């Protein structure tokens, strides 16, 4: 046999061996992954459609999440009541050294309970899907008072209540599992404890940062093929330029990129809700609506953005507020004034074509 043929035979055998090993590894890893998922323990059954509410009550935090549903799908209203404290003033680095014999400073104030309500869509859905049904990573068994400290039940975070189809399920939320972000919980009435994924509780424990819906839309902006911009009694439509991401052209010049529209629409896309208004809807004047943008794909409307201006009280030297409402937020929410002002100041040029 020639050297060339010998090398070819060895190469072919190596390829076959590699394919065989890969096949065996894949067959072994798939059942292992399936076994890991199936090893989870069901704490209670249920589906998101059966949810009545989710509530949490801790020492300085009370949260209630209520499901809503409309033609666009499921969304949630979050009622939040939490203790707010004034931040401590920064220490002056040039101040003289403190007298060690001086009386101790007064303890930090108790703070005040502050109520708010807001909308949650994406993260609210994630939370509810993790709780209905609730699947634990593993069952710990019965944990009585003697072992409470071991799992953080001696100083619990609080009590979680999930009501599904009229039945309430209550959990005492304990400490974090060693080396991870998962949680120990204990089922009320039985003292049966479980380790549950951290994601199942993170939203309800950090509602103002995790659950607050700040994004104006849930659709992918890349799916938008046409937009209609309305300002007062004027409107203008723009088409996405084929082959150029984030490029827009007026319908009367579909091959010519409109730089004014491109820059302006990018500013609209950067708007985010900072907080939701307490009054829904707020008292809006006849001329409060500054602009409306409607988004379309090739067949239908995907959603809209409405931007309003609420004039501040001159007597109280109040600043103007800019309020947004979209198909996702449902409610009226405040946006950063500096960004909104840029959008409002340029909308006239967009609908008039720079004329």
Protein backbone atom coordinates (compact mmCIF):
# COMPACT_ATOMS: atom_id res chain seq x y z
CA UNK A 1 0.00 0.00 0.00
CA UNK A 2 1.36 3.46 -0.90
CA UNK A 3 2.04 6.06 1.77
CA UNK A 4 -0.72 8.25 0.29
CA UNK A 5 -3.32 5.47 0.59
CA UNK A 6 -2.17 4.68 4.15
CA UNK A 7 -2.66 8.26 5.25
CA UNK A 8 -6.10 8.33 3.60
CA UNK A 9 -7.21 5.18 5.44
CA UNK A 10 -6.09 6.55 8.82
CA UNK A 11 -7.81 9.85 8.14
CA UNK A 12 -11.07 8.12 7.25
CA UNK A 13 -10.91 6.00 10.43
CA UNK A 14 -10.30 9.13 12.52
CA UNK A 15 -13.34 10.86 11.00
CA UNK A 16 -15.56 7.82 11.65
CA UNK A 17 -14.32 7.60 15.23
CA UNK A 18 -15.01 11.30 15.79
CA UNK A 19 -18.54 11.03 14.42
CA UNK A 20 -19.23 7.99 16.58
CA UNK A 21 -17.93 9.72 19.72
CA UNK A 22 -20.00 12.83 19.00
CA UNK A 23 -23.10 10.71 18.49
CA UNK A 24 -22.58 8.86 21.77
CA UNK A 25 -21.92 12.11 23.67
CA UNK A 26 -25.06 13.70 22.23
CA UNK A 27 -27.20 10.68 23.10
CA UNK A 28 -25.86 10.68 26.63
CA UNK A 29 -26.20 14.46 27.19
CA UNK A 30 -29.80 14.70 25.94
CA UNK A 31 -31.23 12.26 28.51
CA UNK A 32 -29.10 13.96 31.18
CA UNK A 33 -30.62 17.35 30.38
CA UNK A 34 -34.09 15.83 30.27
CA UNK A 35 -33.47 14.10 33.57
CA UNK A 36 -32.41 17.42 35.17
CA UNK A 37 -35.62 19.09 34.03
CA UNK A 38 -37.79 16.15 35.08
CA UNK A 39 -36.06 16.02 38.48
CA UNK A 40 -37.69 19.30 39.49
CA UNK A 41 -40.36 19.01 42.15
CA UNK A 42 -43.81 20.53 41.69
CA UNK A 43 -44.80 22.61 44.71
CA UNK A 44 -48.22 23.43 43.26
CA UNK A 45 -49.93 23.19 39.89
CA UNK A 46 -51.67 25.88 37.86
CA UNK A 47 -51.39 27.99 34.73
CA UNK A 48 -50.93 31.74 34.16
CA UNK A 49 -54.54 31.96 32.92
CA UNK A 50 -55.74 30.70 36.32
CA UNK A 51 -53.91 33.40 38.28
CA UNK A 52 -55.99 35.69 40.52
CA UNK A 53 -53.04 37.59 42.01
CA UNK A 54 -49.49 37.38 43.37
CA UNK A 55 -48.70 39.20 46.61
CA UNK A 56 -45.67 39.61 48.83
CA UNK A 57 -45.46 41.13 52.29
CA UNK A 58 -42.17 41.85 54.02
CA UNK A 59 -40.96 44.13 56.77
CA UNK A 60 -40.52 47.13 54.46
CA UNK A 61 -42.09 45.94 51.23
CA UNK A 62 -45.63 45.08 50.13
CA UNK A 63 -46.38 44.12 46.54
CA UNK A 64 -49.48 42.94 44.73
CA UNK A 65 -49.52 41.93 41.06
CA UNK A 66 -52.91 41.67 39.35
CA UNK A 67 -53.38 40.14 35.88
CA UNK A 68 -55.18 41.94 33.05
CA UNK A 69 -55.97 40.83 29.53
CA UNK A 70 -57.01 42.67 26.38
CA UNK A 71 -56.91 42.16 22.62
CA UNK A 72 -53.11 42.51 22.67
CA UNK A 73 -52.57 39.86 25.32
CA UNK A 74 -51.73 39.55 29.01
CA UNK A 75 -50.39 42.42 31.11
CA UNK A 76 -50.23 43.24 34.81
CA UNK A 77 -50.83 46.06 37.24
CA UNK A 78 -48.33 46.18 40.12
CA UNK A 79 -49.31 47.90 43.37
CA UNK A 80 -46.22 48.74 45.41
CA UNK A 81 -45.94 50.01 48.98
CA UNK A 82 -42.42 50.28 50.34
CA UNK A 83 -40.37 52.18 52.90
CA UNK A 84 -38.33 55.02 51.43
CA UNK A 85 -35.45 56.61 53.34
CA UNK A 86 -33.60 59.81 52.63
CA UNK A 87 -30.03 59.03 51.55
CA UNK A 88 -27.36 60.01 54.03
CA UNK A 89 -25.43 63.16 53.03
CA UNK A 90 -21.86 62.44 51.90
CA UNK A 91 -19.17 63.00 54.48
CA UNK A 92 -17.02 66.11 54.06
CA UNK A 93 -13.41 64.94 53.48
CA UNK A 94 -12.17 68.33 54.76
CA UNK A 95 -14.14 68.21 57.99
CA UNK A 96 -12.10 68.00 61.23
CA UNK A 97 -11.74 64.55 62.82
CA UNK A 98 -14.68 63.42 64.90
CA UNK A 99 -14.35 63.59 68.67
CA UNK A 100 -14.37 59.98 69.89
CA UNK A 101 -15.94 61.19 73.17
CA UNK A 102 -18.79 63.02 71.46
CA UNK A 103 -22.32 61.54 71.80
CA UNK A 104 -23.30 59.07 69.12
CA UNK A 105 -25.23 60.36 66.13
CA UNK A 106 -28.97 59.86 66.10
CA UNK A 107 -30.02 56.58 64.51
CA UNK A 108 -31.31 56.62 60.96
CA UNK A 109 -34.99 57.48 60.67
CA UNK A 110 -37.61 54.83 60.11
CA UNK A 111 -38.47 56.20 56.69
CA UNK A 112 -41.90 56.58 55.16
CA UNK A 113 -44.19 54.14 53.38
CA UNK A 114 -44.64 55.27 49.77
CA UNK A 115 -47.32 53.88 47.48
CA UNK A 116 -47.18 53.61 43.69
CA UNK A 117 -48.73 51.60 40.88
CA UNK A 118 -47.34 50.73 37.47
CA UNK A 119 -47.65 48.42 34.47
CA UNK A 120 -45.60 45.28 33.86
CA UNK A 121 -45.70 43.21 30.70
CA UNK A 122 -42.60 41.20 29.80
CA UNK A 123 -41.15 40.72 33.29
CA UNK A 124 -44.59 40.27 34.80
CA UNK A 125 -45.23 37.44 32.36
CA UNK A 126 -41.87 35.86 33.24
CA UNK A 127 -42.70 36.02 36.95
CA UNK A 128 -46.16 34.49 36.58
CA UNK A 129 -44.92 31.70 34.32
CA UNK A 130 -42.37 30.81 37.01
CA UNK A 131 -45.06 30.67 39.71
CA UNK A 132 -47.87 28.89 37.85
CA UNK A 133 -46.94 26.11 38.22
CA UNK A 134 -44.16 26.49 40.80
CA UNK A 135 -41.40 23.97 40.16
CA UNK A 136 -38.68 23.64 42.83
CA UNK A 137 -35.10 22.66 42.11
CA UNK A 138 -35.31 20.14 44.93
CA UNK A 139 -37.32 19.24 48.03
CA UNK A 140 -35.58 19.84 51.37
CA UNK A 141 -38.11 18.12 53.61
CA UNK A 142 -39.73 19.32 56.80
CA UNK A 143 -37.88 22.21 58.47
CA UNK A 144 -38.94 22.96 62.04
CA UNK A 145 -37.81 25.71 64.43
CA UNK A 146 -34.62 23.90 65.37
CA UNK A 147 -33.29 24.17 61.80
CA UNK A 148 -34.93 27.46 60.82
CA UNK A 149 -31.70 29.47 60.98
CA UNK A 150 -29.97 27.05 58.62
CA UNK A 151 -32.32 28.05 55.81
CA UNK A 152 -32.97 31.68 56.74
CA UNK A 153 -36.44 31.06 58.12
CA UNK A 154 -35.53 32.61 61.47
CA UNK A 155 -35.35 36.02 59.75
CA UNK A 156 -37.44 35.50 56.62
CA UNK A 157 -37.70 37.97 53.76
CA UNK A 158 -41.49 37.80 54.02
CA UNK A 159 -44.55 35.88 52.87
CA UNK A 160 -45.47 35.15 49.26
CA UNK A 161 -49.11 34.47 48.38
CA UNK A 162 -50.14 33.11 45.00
CA UNK A 163 -53.88 32.74 44.37
CA UNK A 164 -54.78 30.37 41.56
CA UNK A 165 -58.37 29.65 40.60
CA UNK A 166 -59.61 30.72 44.03
CA UNK A 167 -57.03 28.76 46.05
CA UNK A 168 -54.29 30.57 47.95
CA UNK A 169 -50.80 29.11 48.24
CA UNK A 170 -48.49 30.70 50.82
CA UNK A 171 -44.72 30.49 51.15
CA UNK A 172 -42.31 31.81 53.73
CA UNK A 173 -39.36 33.18 51.78
CA UNK A 174 -36.07 32.32 53.48
CA UNK A 175 -32.42 32.86 52.66
CA UNK A 176 -30.29 32.34 49.58
CA UNK A 177 -28.85 28.92 48.79
CA UNK A 178 -25.06 28.61 49.28
CA UNK A 179 -23.05 29.94 46.36
CA UNK A 180 -26.02 30.90 44.24
CA UNK A 181 -29.00 33.14 43.71
CA UNK A 182 -31.67 30.53 44.39
CA UNK A 183 -33.96 30.69 47.43
CA UNK A 184 -35.19 28.52 50.24
CA UNK A 185 -38.96 28.65 50.77
CA UNK A 186 -41.27 26.89 53.20
CA UNK A 187 -44.86 25.98 52.45
CA UNK A 188 -47.31 27.37 54.98
CA UNK A 189 -49.18 24.76 56.97
CA UNK A 190 -46.80 21.87 56.35
CA UNK A 191 -43.32 23.33 57.04
CA UNK A 192 -42.13 21.48 53.91
CA UNK A 193 -39.17 23.39 52.49
CA UNK A 194 -37.87 23.66 48.95
CA UNK A 195 -35.09 25.30 46.99
CA UNK A 196 -36.63 27.31 44.15
CA UNK A 197 -34.98 29.15 41.23
CA UNK A 198 -34.05 32.74 42.04
CA UNK A 199 -35.86 33.94 38.91
CA UNK A 200 -39.15 32.71 40.37
CA UNK A 201 -38.96 35.33 43.14
CA UNK A 202 -36.55 38.02 41.97
CA UNK A 203 -39.23 40.13 40.30
CA UNK A 204 -41.53 40.25 43.32
CA UNK A 205 -38.62 40.99 45.69
CA UNK A 206 -37.26 43.80 43.49
CA UNK A 207 -40.44 45.10 41.84
CA UNK A 208 -39.50 48.70 41.10
CA UNK A 209 -36.36 47.68 39.19
CA UNK A 210 -37.47 44.31 37.79
CA UNK A 211 -41.20 44.60 37.07
CA UNK A 212 -41.60 48.24 35.99
CA UNK A 213 -42.36 48.29 32.24
CA UNK A 214 -40.12 51.00 30.79
CA UNK A 215 -40.04 49.84 27.14
CA UNK A 216 -42.65 51.45 24.93
CA UNK A 217 -43.15 48.44 22.65
CA UNK A 218 -42.84 44.68 22.66
CA UNK A 219 -42.62 44.24 18.89
CA UNK A 220 -39.24 44.08 17.15
CA UNK A 221 -38.50 47.43 15.52
CA UNK A 222 -36.90 45.53 12.63
CA UNK A 223 -40.39 44.23 11.73
CA UNK A 224 -41.66 47.76 11.10
CA UNK A 225 -41.98 48.52 7.40
CA UNK A 226 -43.91 51.80 7.52
CA UNK A 227 -44.55 54.60 10.02
CA UNK A 228 -47.09 57.40 10.05
CA UNK A 229 -46.19 60.57 11.97
CA UNK A 230 -48.99 62.97 12.93
CA UNK A 231 -48.51 66.43 14.42
CA UNK A 232 -51.54 68.69 14.74
CA UNK A 233 -53.44 68.55 11.44
CA UNK A 234 -50.42 67.38 9.45
CA UNK A 235 -49.16 63.85 8.87
CA UNK A 236 -46.50 62.15 6.79
CA UNK A 237 -45.58 58.52 6.11
CA UNK A 238 -42.17 56.91 5.79
CA UNK A 239 -41.03 53.55 4.40
CA UNK A 240 -38.06 51.50 5.52
CA UNK A 241 -35.34 51.58 2.85
CA UNK A 242 -34.65 48.07 1.60
CA UNK A 243 -31.23 46.75 2.52
CA UNK A 244 -30.47 49.63 4.89
CA UNK A 245 -31.27 49.01 8.55
CA UNK A 246 -32.72 52.02 10.36
CA UNK A 247 -32.99 53.96 7.10
CA UNK A 248 -36.29 55.69 6.24
CA UNK A 249 -37.61 57.41 3.14
CA UNK A 250 -40.72 59.47 2.50
CA UNK A 251 -43.45 57.66 0.54
CA UNK A 252 -43.18 60.25 -2.24
CA UNK A 253 -39.41 59.54 -2.55
CA UNK A 254 -39.09 55.85 -1.55
CA UNK A 255 -35.49 55.45 -2.81
CA UNK A 256 -34.11 58.58 -1.17
CA UNK A 257 -33.11 58.32 2.51
CA UNK A 258 -34.63 61.10 4.62
CA UNK A 259 -31.95 61.99 7.19
CA UNK A 260 -34.30 64.21 9.21
CA UNK A 261 -36.75 61.33 9.65
CA UNK A 262 -33.96 58.86 10.42
CA UNK A 263 -32.52 60.99 13.21
CA UNK A 264 -35.92 61.92 14.61
CA UNK A 265 -37.27 58.35 14.71
CA UNK A 266 -34.12 57.21 16.51
CA UNK A 267 -34.87 59.81 19.22
CA UNK A 268 -38.43 58.52 19.52
CA UNK A 269 -37.09 54.97 19.93
CA UNK A 270 -34.95 56.10 22.88
CA UNK A 271 -37.91 57.31 24.95
CA UNK A 272 -38.52 55.25 28.11
CA UNK A 273 -41.09 55.43 30.92
CA UNK A 274 -39.50 56.66 34.15
CA UNK A 275 -42.66 56.36 36.25
CA UNK A 276 -46.40 55.93 35.79
CA UNK A 277 -48.81 58.66 36.77
CA UNK A 278 -50.97 58.20 39.85
CA UNK A 279 -54.07 59.41 37.99
CA UNK A 280 -55.03 57.22 35.02
CA UNK A 281 -55.83 58.95 32.74
CA UNK A 282 -54.43 62.34 33.77
CA UNK A 283 -56.33 65.57 33.07
CA UNK A 284 -55.23 66.37 29.51
CA UNK A 285 -56.04 69.62 27.75
CA UNK A 286 -57.43 69.78 24.22
CA UNK A 287 -53.99 70.59 22.77
CA UNK A 288 -51.95 68.30 25.04
CA UNK A 289 -51.23 65.72 22.31
CA UNK A 290 -47.97 66.78 20.67
CA UNK A 291 -47.59 63.89 18.25
CA UNK A 292 -48.56 60.36 17.36
CA UNK A 293 -46.47 57.72 15.60
CA UNK A 294 -48.13 54.58 14.28
CA UNK A 295 -46.08 51.54 13.27
CA UNK A 296 -47.00 49.03 10.57
CA UNK A 297 -45.56 45.83 9.17
CA UNK A 298 -46.43 44.70 5.65
CA UNK A 299 -50.04 43.87 6.60
CA UNK A 300 -51.25 45.55 9.79
CA UNK A 301 -50.70 48.10 12.53
CA UNK A 302 -48.21 46.93 15.19
CA UNK A 303 -48.71 49.72 17.69
CA UNK A 304 -48.42 53.43 18.39
CA UNK A 305 -46.67 56.09 20.46
CA UNK A 306 -48.58 59.13 21.71
CA UNK A 307 -46.60 61.93 23.36
CA UNK A 308 -48.37 64.59 25.45
CA UNK A 309 -47.20 67.77 27.14
CA UNK A 310 -48.57 68.73 30.55
CA UNK A 311 -47.87 72.38 31.35
CA UNK A 312 -46.41 73.09 34.76
CA UNK A 313 -48.19 75.36 37.23
CA UNK A 314 -46.71 78.87 36.71
CA UNK A 315 -47.60 79.89 40.23
CA UNK A 316 -45.68 77.02 41.74
CA UNK A 317 -42.86 77.31 39.18
CA UNK A 318 -43.64 73.76 38.14
CA UNK A 319 -41.84 72.33 35.14
CA UNK A 320 -43.60 70.97 32.08
CA UNK A 321 -44.02 67.20 32.00
CA UNK A 322 -44.01 64.92 28.99
CA UNK A 323 -46.33 61.94 29.10
CA UNK A 324 -46.32 58.91 26.83
CA UNK A 325 -48.85 56.19 26.11
CA UNK A 326 -48.42 53.17 23.81
CA UNK A 327 -50.08 49.87 23.03
CA UNK A 328 -47.69 48.22 25.52
CA UNK A 329 -47.79 50.66 28.45
CA UNK A 330 -51.61 50.94 28.31
CA UNK A 331 -51.28 53.58 31.02
CA UNK A 332 -49.83 57.08 30.88
CA UNK A 333 -46.21 57.33 31.99
CA UNK A 334 -43.72 60.15 32.36
CA UNK A 335 -40.63 60.26 30.16
CA UNK A 336 -37.40 62.19 30.60
CA UNK A 337 -38.17 65.81 29.67
CA UNK A 338 -34.80 66.47 28.01
CA UNK A 339 -35.34 63.64 25.53
CA UNK A 340 -39.01 64.44 24.92
CA UNK A 341 -38.24 68.11 24.24
CA UNK A 342 -35.91 67.11 21.41
CA UNK A 343 -38.62 64.94 19.87
CA UNK A 344 -41.29 67.63 20.13
CA UNK A 345 -39.05 70.45 18.82
CA UNK A 346 -38.21 68.55 15.62
CA UNK A 347 -41.56 66.94 14.77
CA UNK A 348 -42.66 69.97 12.72
CA UNK A 349 -39.73 69.53 10.34
CA UNK A 350 -40.47 65.82 10.01
CA UNK A 351 -44.13 66.19 8.94
CA UNK A 352 -43.42 69.19 6.67
CA UNK A 353 -40.42 67.65 4.93
CA UNK A 354 -38.13 70.42 6.12
CA UNK A 355 -40.24 73.09 4.42
